[in-house]
């Protein structure tokens, strides 16, 4: 997942970029508002999944940048700033920020917040089924509100964690999810001692769906869902 980091302090940006890269993010660094807006032009590909936006930028206020980003589309924006007062938080959220993180912050919490805003459906985005809350992947249909999965119309009985795992991967077909990220998202815990559990759940999903190639193992990294040909 590509992430745009808007931060004028090179030392802060370098340290944060290193942490984010270890968690599977492809980080692009913009040092001011104009660089950020140029990076977000529609012609730029591939698109970014989230923006981390510092408010104290040298060329224009971060609030102004957030407003311009929001006018262009619905990409998630997380404001990261030392402005801790309630009025600043409210102003940022009213401008369209999806979250507001105050410096100094715990990097684990920041990453959790990034994952949280990325899980939210994008308003006006492309629908994946008859209902925008459904995901369709060839013969596979995942109904998020009812937590029901079917293949060619036949319901497949999944456990709670199997459904959560499949839904996570299916929301971004082709994107590699790191093992640590999956464990954090689905099991809400750390990687230690849970790796074998993840492998068992992946194997169970492949067997229950009768689609062993649906979930691909990316050796040394994690897993990704390979959307079936339609």
C-alpha atoms as a PDB file:
ATOM      1  CA  UNK A   1       0.000   0.000   0.000  1.00  0.00           C
ATOM      2  CA  UNK A   2       1.419   3.387  -1.027  1.00  0.00           C
ATOM      3  CA  UNK A   3       1.434   6.042   1.685  1.00  0.00           C
ATOM      4  CA  UNK A   4       2.120   9.747   1.251  1.00  0.00           C
ATOM      5  CA  UNK A   5       3.999  11.253   4.186  1.00  0.00           C
ATOM      6  CA  UNK A   6       3.795  15.055   4.260  1.00  0.00           C
ATOM      7  CA  UNK A   7       6.465  16.206   6.717  1.00  0.00           C
ATOM      8  CA  UNK A   8       8.942  19.096   6.466  1.00  0.00           C
ATOM      9  CA  UNK A   9      11.412  17.644   9.001  1.00  0.00           C
ATOM     10  CA  UNK A  10      13.679  15.229   7.119  1.00  0.00           C
ATOM     11  CA  UNK A  11      14.880  13.505  10.292  1.00  0.00           C
ATOM     12  CA  UNK A  12      11.338  12.818  11.496  1.00  0.00           C
ATOM     13  CA  UNK A  13      10.313  11.692   8.022  1.00  0.00           C
ATOM     14  CA  UNK A  14      13.275   9.312   7.682  1.00  0.00           C
ATOM     15  CA  UNK A  15      12.627   7.652  11.033  1.00  0.00           C
ATOM     16  CA  UNK A  16       8.897   7.287  10.417  1.00  0.00           C
ATOM     17  CA  UNK A  17       9.416   6.068   6.845  1.00  0.00           C
ATOM     18  CA  UNK A  18      11.697   3.308   8.117  1.00  0.00           C
ATOM     19  CA  UNK A  19       9.065   2.109  10.597  1.00  0.00           C
ATOM     20  CA  UNK A  20       6.253   2.250   8.047  1.00  0.00           C
ATOM     21  CA  UNK A  21       8.319   0.390   5.459  1.00  0.00           C
ATOM     22  CA  UNK A  22       8.867  -2.444   7.930  1.00  0.00           C
ATOM     23  CA  UNK A  23       5.090  -2.718   8.198  1.00  0.00           C
ATOM     24  CA  UNK A  24       4.634  -3.117   4.456  1.00  0.00           C
ATOM     25  CA  UNK A  25       3.997   0.466   3.342  1.00  0.00           C
ATOM     26  CA  UNK A  26       5.556   2.013   0.249  1.00  0.00           C
ATOM     27  CA  UNK A  27       6.275   5.513   1.587  1.00  0.00           C
ATOM     28  CA  UNK A  28       6.609   8.623  -0.569  1.00  0.00           C
ATOM     29  CA  UNK A  29       7.862  11.728   1.251  1.00  0.00           C
ATOM     30  CA  UNK A  30       6.607  15.235   0.431  1.00  0.00           C
ATOM     31  CA  UNK A  31       8.333  18.109   2.239  1.00  0.00           C
ATOM     32  CA  UNK A  32       5.647  20.748   1.731  1.00  0.00           C
ATOM     33  CA  UNK A  33       2.052  21.226   0.694  1.00  0.00           C
ATOM     34  CA  UNK A  34       2.756  21.821  -2.979  1.00  0.00           C
ATOM     35  CA  UNK A  35       4.804  18.630  -3.290  1.00  0.00           C
ATOM     36  CA  UNK A  36       1.981  16.732  -1.606  1.00  0.00           C
ATOM     37  CA  UNK A  37      -0.677  18.103  -3.944  1.00  0.00           C
ATOM     38  CA  UNK A  38       1.479  17.359  -6.989  1.00  0.00           C
ATOM     39  CA  UNK A  39       2.001  13.790  -5.807  1.00  0.00           C
ATOM     40  CA  UNK A  40      -1.762  13.347  -5.510  1.00  0.00           C
ATOM     41  CA  UNK A  41      -2.590  14.442  -9.051  1.00  0.00           C
ATOM     42  CA  UNK A  42      -4.904  11.918 -10.773  1.00  0.00           C
ATOM     43  CA  UNK A  43      -2.289  11.203 -13.433  1.00  0.00           C
ATOM     44  CA  UNK A  44       0.104   9.862 -10.806  1.00  0.00           C
ATOM     45  CA  UNK A  45       0.000   6.070 -10.558  1.00  0.00           C
ATOM     46  CA  UNK A  46      -0.370   3.894  -8.649  1.00  0.00           C
ATOM     47  CA  UNK A  47      -2.634   5.839  -6.278  1.00  0.00           C
ATOM     48  CA  UNK A  48      -1.980   6.367  -2.585  1.00  0.00           C
ATOM     49  CA  UNK A  49      -3.984   4.538   0.052  1.00  0.00           C
ATOM     50  CA  UNK A  50      -3.578   7.105   2.834  1.00  0.00           C
ATOM     51  CA  UNK A  51      -1.969  10.497   3.588  1.00  0.00           C
ATOM     52  CA  UNK A  52      -0.138  11.353   6.812  1.00  0.00           C
ATOM     53  CA  UNK A  53      -0.285  15.133   6.934  1.00  0.00           C
ATOM     54  CA  UNK A  54       1.778  17.359   9.219  1.00  0.00           C
ATOM     55  CA  UNK A  55       0.147  20.728   9.815  1.00  0.00           C
ATOM     56  CA  UNK A  56       3.265  22.876  10.251  1.00  0.00           C
ATOM     57  CA  UNK A  57       4.381  23.031   6.619  1.00  0.00           C
ATOM     58  CA  UNK A  58       6.739  25.729   5.274  1.00  0.00           C
ATOM     59  CA  UNK A  59       4.701  26.855   2.252  1.00  0.00           C
ATOM     60  CA  UNK A  60       1.073  26.612   3.386  1.00  0.00           C
ATOM     61  CA  UNK A  61      -0.916  25.578   6.409  1.00  0.00           C
ATOM     62  CA  UNK A  62      -1.707  21.874   6.667  1.00  0.00           C
ATOM     63  CA  UNK A  63      -5.386  22.659   7.167  1.00  0.00           C
ATOM     64  CA  UNK A  64      -5.427  24.325   3.761  1.00  0.00           C
ATOM     65  CA  UNK A  65      -3.709  21.328   2.200  1.00  0.00           C
ATOM     66  CA  UNK A  66      -6.251  18.983   3.792  1.00  0.00           C
ATOM     67  CA  UNK A  67      -9.117  21.032   2.363  1.00  0.00           C
ATOM     68  CA  UNK A  68      -7.614  20.853  -1.137  1.00  0.00           C
ATOM     69  CA  UNK A  69      -7.049  17.100  -0.848  1.00  0.00           C
ATOM     70  CA  UNK A  70     -10.608  16.540   0.267  1.00  0.00           C
ATOM     71  CA  UNK A  71     -11.996  18.545  -2.669  1.00  0.00           C
ATOM     72  CA  UNK A  72     -10.150  16.206  -5.038  1.00  0.00           C
ATOM     73  CA  UNK A  73     -11.391  12.940  -3.600  1.00  0.00           C
ATOM     74  CA  UNK A  74     -11.938  10.648  -0.646  1.00  0.00           C
ATOM     75  CA  UNK A  75      -8.397   9.427   0.049  1.00  0.00           C
ATOM     76  CA  UNK A  76      -7.999   8.918   3.833  1.00  0.00           C
ATOM     77  CA  UNK A  77      -6.105  11.740   5.558  1.00  0.00           C
ATOM     78  CA  UNK A  78      -4.597  11.470   9.032  1.00  0.00           C
ATOM     79  CA  UNK A  79      -3.355  14.751  10.516  1.00  0.00           C
ATOM     80  CA  UNK A  80      -0.167  14.291  12.543  1.00  0.00           C
ATOM     81  CA  UNK A  81       0.676  17.385  14.550  1.00  0.00           C
ATOM     82  CA  UNK A  82       1.795  18.882  17.841  1.00  0.00           C
ATOM     83  CA  UNK A  83      -1.396  20.966  18.038  1.00  0.00           C
ATOM     84  CA  UNK A  84      -3.149  19.155  20.874  1.00  0.00           C
ATOM     85  CA  UNK A  85      -5.988  21.544  21.741  1.00  0.00           C
ATOM     86  CA  UNK A  86      -9.553  20.432  21.169  1.00  0.00           C
ATOM     87  CA  UNK A  87     -10.345  23.351  18.836  1.00  0.00           C
ATOM     88  CA  UNK A  88      -7.545  22.331  16.458  1.00  0.00           C
ATOM     89  CA  UNK A  89      -8.759  18.726  16.454  1.00  0.00           C
ATOM     90  CA  UNK A  90     -12.329  19.753  15.702  1.00  0.00           C
ATOM     91  CA  UNK A  91     -11.205  22.105  12.932  1.00  0.00           C
ATOM     92  CA  UNK A  92      -9.135  19.372  11.295  1.00  0.00           C
ATOM     93  CA  UNK A  93     -11.945  16.836  11.402  1.00  0.00           C
ATOM     94  CA  UNK A  94     -14.427  19.388  10.066  1.00  0.00           C
ATOM     95  CA  UNK A  95     -12.125  19.977   7.087  1.00  0.00           C
ATOM     96  CA  UNK A  96     -12.406  16.312   6.216  1.00  0.00           C
ATOM     97  CA  UNK A  97      -9.525  14.632   8.046  1.00  0.00           C
ATOM     98  CA  UNK A  98     -10.286  11.005   8.887  1.00  0.00           C
ATOM     99  CA  UNK A  99      -8.212  11.032  12.066  1.00  0.00           C
ATOM    100  CA  UNK A 100      -6.023  13.322  14.145  1.00  0.00           C
ATOM    101  CA  UNK A 101      -2.854  12.112  15.923  1.00  0.00           C
ATOM    102  CA  UNK A 102      -0.957  14.332  18.364  1.00  0.00           C
ATOM    103  CA  UNK A 103       2.834  14.334  18.606  1.00  0.00           C
ATOM    104  CA  UNK A 104       4.610  12.697  20.338  1.00  0.00           C
ATOM    105  CA  UNK A 105       2.778   9.492  19.497  1.00  0.00           C
ATOM    106  CA  UNK A 106       3.341   5.769  19.821  1.00  0.00           C
ATOM    107  CA  UNK A 107       4.191   4.337  16.408  1.00  0.00           C
ATOM    108  CA  UNK A 108       2.146   1.219  17.119  1.00  0.00           C
ATOM    109  CA  UNK A 109      -0.933   3.330  17.727  1.00  0.00           C
ATOM    110  CA  UNK A 110      -0.266   5.361  14.574  1.00  0.00           C
ATOM    111  CA  UNK A 111      -0.041   2.208  12.462  1.00  0.00           C
ATOM    112  CA  UNK A 112      -3.255   0.893  14.033  1.00  0.00           C
ATOM    113  CA  UNK A 113      -4.999   4.155  13.143  1.00  0.00           C
ATOM    114  CA  UNK A 114      -3.707   3.912   9.558  1.00  0.00           C
ATOM    115  CA  UNK A 115      -5.162   0.430   9.227  1.00  0.00           C
ATOM    116  CA  UNK A 116      -8.430   1.631  10.768  1.00  0.00           C
ATOM    117  CA  UNK A 117      -9.003   4.440   8.246  1.00  0.00           C
ATOM    118  CA  UNK A 118      -7.985   2.160   5.382  1.00  0.00           C
ATOM    119  CA  UNK A 119     -10.720  -0.296   6.374  1.00  0.00           C
ATOM    120  CA  UNK A 120     -13.418   2.331   6.013  1.00  0.00           C
ATOM    121  CA  UNK A 121     -15.302   2.160   2.707  1.00  0.00           C
ATOM    122  CA  UNK A 122     -14.595   5.077   0.377  1.00  0.00           C
ATOM    123  CA  UNK A 123     -17.744   7.137  -0.294  1.00  0.00           C
ATOM    124  CA  UNK A 124     -18.635   7.112  -3.962  1.00  0.00           C
ATOM    125  CA  UNK A 125     -16.076   4.402  -4.658  1.00  0.00           C
ATOM    126  CA  UNK A 126     -16.674   1.530  -7.046  1.00  0.00           C
ATOM    127  CA  UNK A 127     -19.087  -1.078  -5.813  1.00  0.00           C
ATOM    128  CA  UNK A 128     -18.036  -4.703  -5.717  1.00  0.00           C
ATOM    129  CA  UNK A 129     -21.493  -6.269  -5.831  1.00  0.00           C
ATOM    130  CA  UNK A 130     -25.164  -5.471  -5.979  1.00  0.00           C
ATOM    131  CA  UNK A 131     -24.703  -3.789  -2.607  1.00  0.00           C
ATOM    132  CA  UNK A 132     -21.693  -1.577  -1.801  1.00  0.00           C
ATOM    133  CA  UNK A 133     -21.202  -3.580   1.399  1.00  0.00           C
ATOM    134  CA  UNK A 134     -20.715  -6.802  -0.590  1.00  0.00           C
ATOM    135  CA  UNK A 135     -17.446  -7.982  -2.101  1.00  0.00           C
ATOM    136  CA  UNK A 136     -17.457 -10.072  -5.285  1.00  0.00           C
ATOM    137  CA  UNK A 137     -14.425 -12.045  -6.416  1.00  0.00           C
ATOM    138  CA  UNK A 138     -15.408 -14.194  -9.359  1.00  0.00           C
ATOM    139  CA  UNK A 139     -17.715 -16.885  -7.971  1.00  0.00           C
ATOM    140  CA  UNK A 140     -17.059 -15.777  -4.399  1.00  0.00           C
ATOM    141  CA  UNK A 141     -19.441 -13.347  -2.720  1.00  0.00           C
ATOM    142  CA  UNK A 142     -18.687 -11.871   0.697  1.00  0.00           C
ATOM    143  CA  UNK A 143     -21.598 -10.133   2.411  1.00  0.00           C
ATOM    144  CA  UNK A 144     -20.046  -7.926   5.070  1.00  0.00           C
ATOM    145  CA  UNK A 145     -23.192  -6.956   7.074  1.00  0.00           C
ATOM    146  CA  UNK A 146     -24.394 -10.557   7.444  1.00  0.00           C
ATOM    147  CA  UNK A 147     -20.876 -12.065   7.511  1.00  0.00           C
ATOM    148  CA  UNK A 148     -21.942 -14.649   4.941  1.00  0.00           C
ATOM    149  CA  UNK A 149     -19.753 -16.124   2.215  1.00  0.00           C
ATOM    150  CA  UNK A 150     -21.011 -18.032  -0.802  1.00  0.00           C
ATOM    151  CA  UNK A 151     -19.391 -19.679  -3.817  1.00  0.00           C
ATOM    152  CA  UNK A 152     -21.545 -19.966  -6.939  1.00  0.00           C
ATOM    153  CA  UNK A 153     -24.540 -19.220  -4.732  1.00  0.00           C
ATOM    154  CA  UNK A 154     -23.809 -21.963  -2.182  1.00  0.00           C
ATOM    155  CA  UNK A 155     -23.192 -20.700   1.357  1.00  0.00           C
ATOM    156  CA  UNK A 156     -19.853 -21.682   2.904  1.00  0.00           C
ATOM    157  CA  UNK A 157     -19.738 -21.977   6.685  1.00  0.00           C
ATOM    158  CA  UNK A 158     -16.754 -20.078   8.089  1.00  0.00           C
ATOM    159  CA  UNK A 159     -15.613 -19.420  11.618  1.00  0.00           C
ATOM    160  CA  UNK A 160     -15.462 -15.831  12.830  1.00  0.00           C
ATOM    161  CA  UNK A 161     -11.703 -15.564  12.321  1.00  0.00           C
ATOM    162  CA  UNK A 162     -11.851 -17.256   8.915  1.00  0.00           C
ATOM    163  CA  UNK A 163     -14.396 -14.679   7.772  1.00  0.00           C
ATOM    164  CA  UNK A 164     -12.376 -11.782   9.193  1.00  0.00           C
ATOM    165  CA  UNK A 165      -9.246 -13.036   7.454  1.00  0.00           C
ATOM    166  CA  UNK A 166     -10.972 -13.497   4.102  1.00  0.00           C
ATOM    167  CA  UNK A 167     -12.715 -10.108   4.312  1.00  0.00           C
ATOM    168  CA  UNK A 168      -9.437  -8.360   5.112  1.00  0.00           C
ATOM    169  CA  UNK A 169      -7.623  -9.844   2.117  1.00  0.00           C
ATOM    170  CA  UNK A 170     -10.620  -9.422  -0.200  1.00  0.00           C
ATOM    171  CA  UNK A 171     -10.919  -5.680   0.373  1.00  0.00           C
ATOM    172  CA  UNK A 172      -7.632  -5.192  -1.518  1.00  0.00           C
ATOM    173  CA  UNK A 173      -7.144  -8.018  -4.023  1.00  0.00           C
ATOM    174  CA  UNK A 174      -3.567  -8.293  -5.220  1.00  0.00           C
ATOM    175  CA  UNK A 175      -2.157  -6.324  -2.269  1.00  0.00           C
ATOM    176  CA  UNK A 176       0.306  -8.245  -0.101  1.00  0.00           C
ATOM    177  CA  UNK A 177      -0.607  -8.187   3.587  1.00  0.00           C
ATOM    178  CA  UNK A 178       2.309  -8.809   5.923  1.00  0.00           C
ATOM    179  CA  UNK A 179       1.838 -11.583   8.471  1.00  0.00           C
ATOM    180  CA  UNK A 180       2.294  -9.121  11.322  1.00  0.00           C
ATOM    181  CA  UNK A 181      -0.404  -6.856   9.890  1.00  0.00           C
ATOM    182  CA  UNK A 182      -2.885  -9.714   9.485  1.00  0.00           C
ATOM    183  CA  UNK A 183      -2.317 -10.907  13.039  1.00  0.00           C
ATOM    184  CA  UNK A 184      -2.801  -7.358  14.325  1.00  0.00           C
ATOM    185  CA  UNK A 185      -5.964  -6.794  12.278  1.00  0.00           C
ATOM    186  CA  UNK A 186      -7.688 -10.162  12.745  1.00  0.00           C
ATOM    187  CA  UNK A 187      -6.434 -11.435  16.079  1.00  0.00           C
ATOM    188  CA  UNK A 188      -5.748  -8.051  17.699  1.00  0.00           C
ATOM    189  CA  UNK A 189      -2.482  -9.272  19.109  1.00  0.00           C
ATOM    190  CA  UNK A 190       1.219  -9.439  18.262  1.00  0.00           C
ATOM    191  CA  UNK A 191       2.911 -11.879  15.907  1.00  0.00           C
ATOM    192  CA  UNK A 192       4.635 -13.928  18.622  1.00  0.00           C
ATOM    193  CA  UNK A 193       3.050 -17.326  19.051  1.00  0.00           C
ATOM    194  CA  UNK A 194       0.281 -16.700  16.517  1.00  0.00           C
ATOM    195  CA  UNK A 195       2.038 -17.515  13.251  1.00  0.00           C
ATOM    196  CA  UNK A 196       0.969 -21.141  13.153  1.00  0.00           C
ATOM    197  CA  UNK A 197      -2.642 -20.112  13.826  1.00  0.00           C
ATOM    198  CA  UNK A 198      -2.593 -17.880  10.747  1.00  0.00           C
ATOM    199  CA  UNK A 199      -1.232 -20.680   8.553  1.00  0.00           C
ATOM    200  CA  UNK A 200      -3.950 -23.056   9.776  1.00  0.00           C
ATOM    201  CA  UNK A 201      -6.706 -20.515   9.019  1.00  0.00           C
ATOM    202  CA  UNK A 202      -5.357 -19.872   5.510  1.00  0.00           C
ATOM    203  CA  UNK A 203      -5.269 -23.612   4.811  1.00  0.00           C
ATOM    204  CA  UNK A 204      -8.814 -24.001   6.149  1.00  0.00           C
ATOM    205  CA  UNK A 205     -10.117 -21.188   3.931  1.00  0.00           C
ATOM    206  CA  UNK A 206      -8.523 -22.700   0.831  1.00  0.00           C
ATOM    207  CA  UNK A 207     -10.143 -26.052   1.614  1.00  0.00           C
ATOM    208  CA  UNK A 208     -13.608 -24.748   2.497  1.00  0.00           C
ATOM    209  CA  UNK A 209     -13.818 -22.533  -0.573  1.00  0.00           C
ATOM    210  CA  UNK A 210     -12.370 -25.293  -2.808  1.00  0.00           C
ATOM    211  CA  UNK A 211     -10.109 -22.615  -4.285  1.00  0.00           C
ATOM    212  CA  UNK A 212      -6.520 -23.335  -3.229  1.00  0.00           C
ATOM    213  CA  UNK A 213      -5.137 -20.630  -5.539  1.00  0.00           C
ATOM    214  CA  UNK A 214      -7.382 -17.881  -4.129  1.00  0.00           C
ATOM    215  CA  UNK A 215      -5.002 -16.988  -1.297  1.00  0.00           C
ATOM    216  CA  UNK A 216      -1.380 -16.837  -2.408  1.00  0.00           C
ATOM    217  CA  UNK A 217       1.541 -17.180  -0.028  1.00  0.00           C
ATOM    218  CA  UNK A 218       4.203 -14.527  -0.583  1.00  0.00           C
ATOM    219  CA  UNK A 219       7.227 -16.261   0.874  1.00  0.00           C
ATOM    220  CA  UNK A 220       8.891 -14.392   3.698  1.00  0.00           C
ATOM    221  CA  UNK A 221       6.283 -11.625   3.681  1.00  0.00           C
ATOM    222  CA  UNK A 222       2.648 -12.694   4.017  1.00  0.00           C
ATOM    223  CA  UNK A 223      -0.417 -13.386   1.898  1.00  0.00           C
ATOM    224  CA  UNK A 224      -2.482 -11.830  -0.841  1.00  0.00           C
ATOM    225  CA  UNK A 225      -5.788 -12.646  -2.436  1.00  0.00           C
ATOM    226  CA  UNK A 226      -5.684 -13.408  -6.141  1.00  0.00           C
ATOM    227  CA  UNK A 227      -8.985 -12.362  -7.692  1.00  0.00           C
ATOM    228  CA  UNK A 228     -10.371 -15.145  -9.916  1.00  0.00           C
ATOM    229  CA  UNK A 229     -10.771 -14.367 -13.610  1.00  0.00           C
ATOM    230  CA  UNK A 230     -14.309 -13.348 -14.473  1.00  0.00           C
END
